[in-house]
């Protein structure tokens, strides 16, 4: 039986733009153009375009065709869907400063990219600690890794990162082989990947990443549905 696969790339936004050979209007879908039209900040617009082009590069590399042939449907507050393959191919995109990351997979996937060094707002700290951890017991970089892990996990499950949801997630270190989220690091960022451990992952990055911790995620108060 074929194994599930994922393709991930982390790149500088400038590098992605160097590869865009066509006008954006020729490959962005109508829903993407509408979303881009609502983004006013130039830097954020660049992140959006780079992320959606890099996603197409990965789709073409993994499943065939050319990047411009793949179409994405913008979904409010959720990852874009791959037109014609919404159930069989999942997508996740993240950005920070001058970096962009994209993932395409045959299973649910969530990624998060966060600039470092960075001190999170003090109001976020209680949302990242486990119940048995005292206030102020985690240094800023550990808190940032917690943020990355929770964000990646929530994206994998196509949820919203509301404060109550963040607080419910309980994190414990574990081996990377059995982790719900794996975190890798560079001087400029932390990168979190939430995907089934059995998935075969192919990853590219412009810089060398240092393998970090594996995280086990549990929900202290599961939703009743």
C-alpha atoms as a PDB file:
ATOM      1  CA  UNK A   1       0.000   0.000   0.000  1.00  0.00           C
ATOM      2  CA  UNK A   2       1.492   3.414  -0.969  1.00  0.00           C
ATOM      3  CA  UNK A   3       2.663   5.520   1.941  1.00  0.00           C
ATOM      4  CA  UNK A   4       1.500   9.067   2.530  1.00  0.00           C
ATOM      5  CA  UNK A   5       3.941  11.740   1.408  1.00  0.00           C
ATOM      6  CA  UNK A   6       4.594  15.409   2.115  1.00  0.00           C
ATOM      7  CA  UNK A   7       6.760  17.963   0.323  1.00  0.00           C
ATOM      8  CA  UNK A   8       7.955  21.026   2.228  1.00  0.00           C
ATOM      9  CA  UNK A   9      10.118  23.985   1.292  1.00  0.00           C
ATOM     10  CA  UNK A  10      11.415  26.955   3.280  1.00  0.00           C
ATOM     11  CA  UNK A  11      12.843  29.806   1.225  1.00  0.00           C
ATOM     12  CA  UNK A  12      13.595  33.475   1.241  1.00  0.00           C
ATOM     13  CA  UNK A  13      10.756  35.429  -0.324  1.00  0.00           C
ATOM     14  CA  UNK A  14      13.220  37.083  -2.724  1.00  0.00           C
ATOM     15  CA  UNK A  15      14.298  33.651  -3.975  1.00  0.00           C
ATOM     16  CA  UNK A  16      10.705  32.656  -4.688  1.00  0.00           C
ATOM     17  CA  UNK A  17      10.036  35.865  -6.612  1.00  0.00           C
ATOM     18  CA  UNK A  18      13.131  35.228  -8.712  1.00  0.00           C
ATOM     19  CA  UNK A  19      11.399  32.057  -9.956  1.00  0.00           C
ATOM     20  CA  UNK A  20       8.032  33.647 -10.814  1.00  0.00           C
ATOM     21  CA  UNK A  21       8.150  33.914 -14.591  1.00  0.00           C
ATOM     22  CA  UNK A  22       4.579  34.984 -15.295  1.00  0.00           C
ATOM     23  CA  UNK A  23       2.292  37.843 -14.319  1.00  0.00           C
ATOM     24  CA  UNK A  24       0.460  37.073 -11.109  1.00  0.00           C
ATOM     25  CA  UNK A  25      -2.932  37.619 -12.754  1.00  0.00           C
ATOM     26  CA  UNK A  26      -2.202  34.726 -15.107  1.00  0.00           C
ATOM     27  CA  UNK A  27      -1.953  32.104 -12.358  1.00  0.00           C
ATOM     28  CA  UNK A  28      -3.734  33.443  -9.267  1.00  0.00           C
ATOM     29  CA  UNK A  29      -7.321  32.217  -9.073  1.00  0.00           C
ATOM     30  CA  UNK A  30     -10.205  34.672  -8.769  1.00  0.00           C
ATOM     31  CA  UNK A  31     -10.528  33.983  -5.039  1.00  0.00           C
ATOM     32  CA  UNK A  32      -6.784  34.540  -4.534  1.00  0.00           C
ATOM     33  CA  UNK A  33      -6.866  37.791  -6.494  1.00  0.00           C
ATOM     34  CA  UNK A  34      -9.769  38.965  -4.343  1.00  0.00           C
ATOM     35  CA  UNK A  35      -7.867  38.098  -1.166  1.00  0.00           C
ATOM     36  CA  UNK A  36      -4.695  39.787  -2.426  1.00  0.00           C
ATOM     37  CA  UNK A  37      -6.711  42.874  -3.309  1.00  0.00           C
ATOM     38  CA  UNK A  38      -7.727  43.194   0.341  1.00  0.00           C
ATOM     39  CA  UNK A  39      -4.127  43.191   1.600  1.00  0.00           C
ATOM     40  CA  UNK A  40      -2.790  46.742   1.864  1.00  0.00           C
ATOM     41  CA  UNK A  41       0.720  46.304   3.264  1.00  0.00           C
ATOM     42  CA  UNK A  42       3.320  45.736   0.557  1.00  0.00           C
ATOM     43  CA  UNK A  43       5.330  43.289   2.651  1.00  0.00           C
ATOM     44  CA  UNK A  44       2.279  41.201   3.454  1.00  0.00           C
ATOM     45  CA  UNK A  45       1.278  41.168  -0.223  1.00  0.00           C
ATOM     46  CA  UNK A  46       4.726  39.837  -1.103  1.00  0.00           C
ATOM     47  CA  UNK A  47       4.389  37.105   1.516  1.00  0.00           C
ATOM     48  CA  UNK A  48       1.002  36.109   0.140  1.00  0.00           C
ATOM     49  CA  UNK A  49       2.114  35.891  -3.478  1.00  0.00           C
ATOM     50  CA  UNK A  50       5.353  34.071  -2.610  1.00  0.00           C
ATOM     51  CA  UNK A  51       3.523  31.530  -0.467  1.00  0.00           C
ATOM     52  CA  UNK A  52       0.953  30.730  -3.119  1.00  0.00           C
ATOM     53  CA  UNK A  53       3.559  30.449  -5.871  1.00  0.00           C
ATOM     54  CA  UNK A  54       5.816  28.243  -3.733  1.00  0.00           C
ATOM     55  CA  UNK A  55       2.825  26.003  -3.013  1.00  0.00           C
ATOM     56  CA  UNK A  56       2.275  25.591  -6.748  1.00  0.00           C
ATOM     57  CA  UNK A  57       5.942  24.733  -7.239  1.00  0.00           C
ATOM     58  CA  UNK A  58       5.595  21.951  -4.682  1.00  0.00           C
ATOM     59  CA  UNK A  59       2.357  20.686  -6.253  1.00  0.00           C
ATOM     60  CA  UNK A  60       3.995  20.472  -9.666  1.00  0.00           C
ATOM     61  CA  UNK A  61       7.101  18.836  -8.249  1.00  0.00           C
ATOM     62  CA  UNK A  62       5.124  16.237  -6.322  1.00  0.00           C
ATOM     63  CA  UNK A  63       2.143  15.535  -8.562  1.00  0.00           C
ATOM     64  CA  UNK A  64       3.083  16.729 -12.053  1.00  0.00           C
ATOM     65  CA  UNK A  65       2.186  19.539 -14.399  1.00  0.00           C
ATOM     66  CA  UNK A  66       3.502  23.088 -14.213  1.00  0.00           C
ATOM     67  CA  UNK A  67       3.089  25.437 -11.230  1.00  0.00           C
ATOM     68  CA  UNK A  68       0.756  27.770 -13.146  1.00  0.00           C
ATOM     69  CA  UNK A  69      -1.578  24.873 -14.016  1.00  0.00           C
ATOM     70  CA  UNK A  70      -2.459  24.239 -10.377  1.00  0.00           C
ATOM     71  CA  UNK A  71      -5.370  26.237  -8.987  1.00  0.00           C
ATOM     72  CA  UNK A  72      -6.002  27.127  -5.354  1.00  0.00           C
ATOM     73  CA  UNK A  73      -9.271  28.186  -3.765  1.00  0.00           C
ATOM     74  CA  UNK A  74      -8.921  30.795  -1.028  1.00  0.00           C
ATOM     75  CA  UNK A  75     -10.740  29.816   2.175  1.00  0.00           C
ATOM     76  CA  UNK A  76     -11.301  32.439   4.838  1.00  0.00           C
ATOM     77  CA  UNK A  77      -9.257  31.739   8.007  1.00  0.00           C
ATOM     78  CA  UNK A  78      -8.268  28.304   6.617  1.00  0.00           C
ATOM     79  CA  UNK A  79      -5.545  27.004   4.293  1.00  0.00           C
ATOM     80  CA  UNK A  80      -6.324  27.213   0.575  1.00  0.00           C
ATOM     81  CA  UNK A  81      -7.824  24.168  -1.096  1.00  0.00           C
ATOM     82  CA  UNK A  82      -6.374  22.525  -4.176  1.00  0.00           C
ATOM     83  CA  UNK A  83      -9.027  22.745  -6.877  1.00  0.00           C
ATOM     84  CA  UNK A  84     -10.006  19.255  -8.022  1.00  0.00           C
ATOM     85  CA  UNK A  85      -7.999  17.604  -5.235  1.00  0.00           C
ATOM     86  CA  UNK A  86      -9.454  19.095  -2.046  1.00  0.00           C
ATOM     87  CA  UNK A  87      -9.803  15.718  -0.329  1.00  0.00           C
ATOM     88  CA  UNK A  88      -6.609  14.051  -1.541  1.00  0.00           C
ATOM     89  CA  UNK A  89      -4.060  16.904  -1.265  1.00  0.00           C
ATOM     90  CA  UNK A  90      -3.684  19.179   1.758  1.00  0.00           C
ATOM     91  CA  UNK A  91      -1.816  22.479   1.892  1.00  0.00           C
ATOM     92  CA  UNK A  92      -0.270  24.623   4.623  1.00  0.00           C
ATOM     93  CA  UNK A  93       1.542  27.965   4.263  1.00  0.00           C
ATOM     94  CA  UNK A  94       3.404  30.091   6.805  1.00  0.00           C
ATOM     95  CA  UNK A  95       5.583  33.196   6.689  1.00  0.00           C
ATOM     96  CA  UNK A  96       7.734  35.362   8.895  1.00  0.00           C
ATOM     97  CA  UNK A  97       9.769  38.444   7.973  1.00  0.00           C
ATOM     98  CA  UNK A  98      11.695  37.608   4.769  1.00  0.00           C
ATOM     99  CA  UNK A  99      10.954  33.871   4.852  1.00  0.00           C
ATOM    100  CA  UNK A 100       8.138  31.742   3.456  1.00  0.00           C
ATOM    101  CA  UNK A 101       7.307  28.068   3.999  1.00  0.00           C
ATOM    102  CA  UNK A 102       4.856  25.848   2.157  1.00  0.00           C
ATOM    103  CA  UNK A 103       3.768  22.224   2.488  1.00  0.00           C
ATOM    104  CA  UNK A 104       1.682  19.912   0.310  1.00  0.00           C
ATOM    105  CA  UNK A 105       0.761  16.447   1.499  1.00  0.00           C
ATOM    106  CA  UNK A 106      -1.557  13.501   0.993  1.00  0.00           C
ATOM    107  CA  UNK A 107      -2.543  13.747   4.674  1.00  0.00           C
ATOM    108  CA  UNK A 108      -3.476  16.605   6.992  1.00  0.00           C
ATOM    109  CA  UNK A 109      -0.484  18.891   7.520  1.00  0.00           C
ATOM    110  CA  UNK A 110       0.211  22.035   9.496  1.00  0.00           C
ATOM    111  CA  UNK A 111       3.338  24.180   9.486  1.00  0.00           C
ATOM    112  CA  UNK A 112       4.361  27.317  11.334  1.00  0.00           C
ATOM    113  CA  UNK A 113       7.335  29.606  10.836  1.00  0.00           C
ATOM    114  CA  UNK A 114       8.220  32.231  13.460  1.00  0.00           C
ATOM    115  CA  UNK A 115      11.051  34.763  13.450  1.00  0.00           C
ATOM    116  CA  UNK A 116      13.666  34.606  16.177  1.00  0.00           C
ATOM    117  CA  UNK A 117      14.867  36.028  18.433  1.00  0.00           C
ATOM    118  CA  UNK A 118      11.446  37.272  19.442  1.00  0.00           C
ATOM    119  CA  UNK A 119       9.705  37.926  22.736  1.00  0.00           C
ATOM    120  CA  UNK A 120       5.977  37.230  22.638  1.00  0.00           C
ATOM    121  CA  UNK A 121       3.506  39.561  24.273  1.00  0.00           C
ATOM    122  CA  UNK A 122       3.166  38.853  27.997  1.00  0.00           C
ATOM    123  CA  UNK A 123      -0.547  38.167  27.586  1.00  0.00           C
ATOM    124  CA  UNK A 124       0.269  35.105  25.449  1.00  0.00           C
ATOM    125  CA  UNK A 125       2.481  33.409  28.065  1.00  0.00           C
ATOM    126  CA  UNK A 126      -0.418  31.854  30.075  1.00  0.00           C
ATOM    127  CA  UNK A 127      -1.759  30.320  26.860  1.00  0.00           C
ATOM    128  CA  UNK A 128       1.496  28.458  26.239  1.00  0.00           C
ATOM    129  CA  UNK A 129       2.289  27.088  29.698  1.00  0.00           C
ATOM    130  CA  UNK A 130       1.035  23.712  30.884  1.00  0.00           C
ATOM    131  CA  UNK A 131      -1.107  23.785  34.039  1.00  0.00           C
ATOM    132  CA  UNK A 132       1.738  22.415  36.173  1.00  0.00           C
ATOM    133  CA  UNK A 133       4.232  25.091  35.043  1.00  0.00           C
ATOM    134  CA  UNK A 134       4.682  28.263  37.046  1.00  0.00           C
ATOM    135  CA  UNK A 135       4.371  31.720  35.542  1.00  0.00           C
ATOM    136  CA  UNK A 136       7.755  32.950  34.326  1.00  0.00           C
ATOM    137  CA  UNK A 137       9.272  29.470  34.310  1.00  0.00           C
ATOM    138  CA  UNK A 138       9.815  29.366  30.528  1.00  0.00           C
ATOM    139  CA  UNK A 139      12.337  31.577  28.744  1.00  0.00           C
ATOM    140  CA  UNK A 140      11.276  33.586  25.656  1.00  0.00           C
ATOM    141  CA  UNK A 141      12.732  31.157  23.108  1.00  0.00           C
ATOM    142  CA  UNK A 142      11.010  28.167  24.717  1.00  0.00           C
ATOM    143  CA  UNK A 143       7.737  30.101  24.692  1.00  0.00           C
ATOM    144  CA  UNK A 144       8.261  30.843  21.008  1.00  0.00           C
ATOM    145  CA  UNK A 145       8.753  27.137  20.319  1.00  0.00           C
ATOM    146  CA  UNK A 146       5.543  26.412  22.232  1.00  0.00           C
ATOM    147  CA  UNK A 147       3.764  28.945  20.038  1.00  0.00           C
ATOM    148  CA  UNK A 148       5.151  27.286  16.895  1.00  0.00           C
ATOM    149  CA  UNK A 149       4.079  23.837  18.074  1.00  0.00           C
ATOM    150  CA  UNK A 150       0.543  24.880  18.955  1.00  0.00           C
ATOM    151  CA  UNK A 151       0.076  26.893  15.769  1.00  0.00           C
ATOM    152  CA  UNK A 152       1.267  24.003  13.581  1.00  0.00           C
ATOM    153  CA  UNK A 153      -1.021  21.553  15.395  1.00  0.00           C
ATOM    154  CA  UNK A 154      -4.043  23.822  15.087  1.00  0.00           C
ATOM    155  CA  UNK A 155      -3.365  24.360  11.383  1.00  0.00           C
ATOM    156  CA  UNK A 156      -3.116  20.613  10.843  1.00  0.00           C
ATOM    157  CA  UNK A 157      -6.595  20.262  12.310  1.00  0.00           C
ATOM    158  CA  UNK A 158      -7.957  23.243  10.343  1.00  0.00           C
ATOM    159  CA  UNK A 159      -8.932  25.074  13.529  1.00  0.00           C
ATOM    160  CA  UNK A 160      -8.714  28.684  14.657  1.00  0.00           C
ATOM    161  CA  UNK A 161      -5.982  29.740  17.091  1.00  0.00           C
ATOM    162  CA  UNK A 162      -8.386  31.276  19.592  1.00  0.00           C
ATOM    163  CA  UNK A 163      -7.007  31.908  23.108  1.00  0.00           C
ATOM    164  CA  UNK A 164      -9.210  29.242  24.701  1.00  0.00           C
ATOM    165  CA  UNK A 165      -8.051  26.688  22.120  1.00  0.00           C
ATOM    166  CA  UNK A 166      -4.380  27.516  22.629  1.00  0.00           C
ATOM    167  CA  UNK A 167      -4.713  27.196  26.382  1.00  0.00           C
ATOM    168  CA  UNK A 168      -6.346  23.755  26.141  1.00  0.00           C
ATOM    169  CA  UNK A 169      -3.421  22.199  24.311  1.00  0.00           C
ATOM    170  CA  UNK A 170      -0.980  20.460  26.644  1.00  0.00           C
ATOM    171  CA  UNK A 171       2.580  19.936  25.337  1.00  0.00           C
ATOM    172  CA  UNK A 172       5.205  17.442  26.428  1.00  0.00           C
ATOM    173  CA  UNK A 173       8.597  16.650  24.923  1.00  0.00           C
ATOM    174  CA  UNK A 174       8.898  13.253  23.236  1.00  0.00           C
ATOM    175  CA  UNK A 175      11.045  11.531  20.633  1.00  0.00           C
ATOM    176  CA  UNK A 176      10.779  12.910  17.126  1.00  0.00           C
ATOM    177  CA  UNK A 177       9.799   9.460  15.833  1.00  0.00           C
ATOM    178  CA  UNK A 178       6.563   9.606  17.825  1.00  0.00           C
ATOM    179  CA  UNK A 179       5.993  13.361  17.930  1.00  0.00           C
ATOM    180  CA  UNK A 180       2.794  15.149  16.947  1.00  0.00           C
ATOM    181  CA  UNK A 181       4.905  18.210  16.101  1.00  0.00           C
ATOM    182  CA  UNK A 182       8.619  18.426  15.286  1.00  0.00           C
ATOM    183  CA  UNK A 183      10.471  21.717  15.581  1.00  0.00           C
ATOM    184  CA  UNK A 184      13.632  22.604  13.656  1.00  0.00           C
ATOM    185  CA  UNK A 185      15.548  25.827  14.045  1.00  0.00           C
ATOM    186  CA  UNK A 186      17.795  28.353  12.382  1.00  0.00           C
ATOM    187  CA  UNK A 187      19.209  31.560  13.813  1.00  0.00           C
ATOM    188  CA  UNK A 188      16.461  33.444  11.958  1.00  0.00           C
ATOM    189  CA  UNK A 189      13.426  31.288  12.780  1.00  0.00           C
ATOM    190  CA  UNK A 190      11.804  28.246  14.359  1.00  0.00           C
ATOM    191  CA  UNK A 191       9.882  25.903  12.052  1.00  0.00           C
ATOM    192  CA  UNK A 192       7.172  23.537  13.257  1.00  0.00           C
ATOM    193  CA  UNK A 193       5.705  20.602  11.339  1.00  0.00           C
ATOM    194  CA  UNK A 194       2.578  18.751  12.450  1.00  0.00           C
ATOM    195  CA  UNK A 195       1.954  15.610  10.427  1.00  0.00           C
ATOM    196  CA  UNK A 196       1.443  11.878  10.965  1.00  0.00           C
ATOM    197  CA  UNK A 197       4.798  10.337  12.015  1.00  0.00           C
ATOM    198  CA  UNK A 198       4.374   7.621   9.377  1.00  0.00           C
ATOM    199  CA  UNK A 199       4.329  10.152   6.534  1.00  0.00           C
ATOM    200  CA  UNK A 200       7.375  10.271   4.252  1.00  0.00           C
ATOM    201  CA  UNK A 201       8.555  13.894   4.271  1.00  0.00           C
ATOM    202  CA  UNK A 202      10.754  15.521   1.640  1.00  0.00           C
ATOM    203  CA  UNK A 203      12.037  18.898   2.746  1.00  0.00           C
ATOM    204  CA  UNK A 204      14.124  21.634   1.160  1.00  0.00           C
ATOM    205  CA  UNK A 205      15.505  24.733   2.840  1.00  0.00           C
ATOM    206  CA  UNK A 206      17.924  27.423   1.717  1.00  0.00           C
ATOM    207  CA  UNK A 207      19.772  27.197   5.034  1.00  0.00           C
ATOM    208  CA  UNK A 208      20.863  24.398   7.317  1.00  0.00           C
ATOM    209  CA  UNK A 209      18.309  23.595  10.011  1.00  0.00           C
ATOM    210  CA  UNK A 210      19.137  22.225  13.434  1.00  0.00           C
ATOM    211  CA  UNK A 211      16.784  19.373  14.420  1.00  0.00           C
ATOM    212  CA  UNK A 212      14.996  20.346  17.618  1.00  0.00           C
ATOM    213  CA  UNK A 213      12.474  18.861  19.969  1.00  0.00           C
ATOM    214  CA  UNK A 214       9.588  16.543  19.312  1.00  0.00           C
ATOM    215  CA  UNK A 215       6.308  17.498  20.975  1.00  0.00           C
ATOM    216  CA  UNK A 216       3.383  15.374  22.062  1.00  0.00           C
ATOM    217  CA  UNK A 217       0.082  17.255  22.033  1.00  0.00           C
ATOM    218  CA  UNK A 218      -2.924  16.411  24.165  1.00  0.00           C
ATOM    219  CA  UNK A 219      -6.241  18.218  24.557  1.00  0.00           C
ATOM    220  CA  UNK A 220      -7.100  18.877  28.191  1.00  0.00           C
ATOM    221  CA  UNK A 221     -10.756  19.484  27.403  1.00  0.00           C
ATOM    222  CA  UNK A 222     -11.791  17.812  24.163  1.00  0.00           C
ATOM    223  CA  UNK A 223     -14.660  19.386  22.293  1.00  0.00           C
ATOM    224  CA  UNK A 224     -17.951  17.541  22.653  1.00  0.00           C
ATOM    225  CA  UNK A 225     -19.574  17.158  19.253  1.00  0.00           C
END
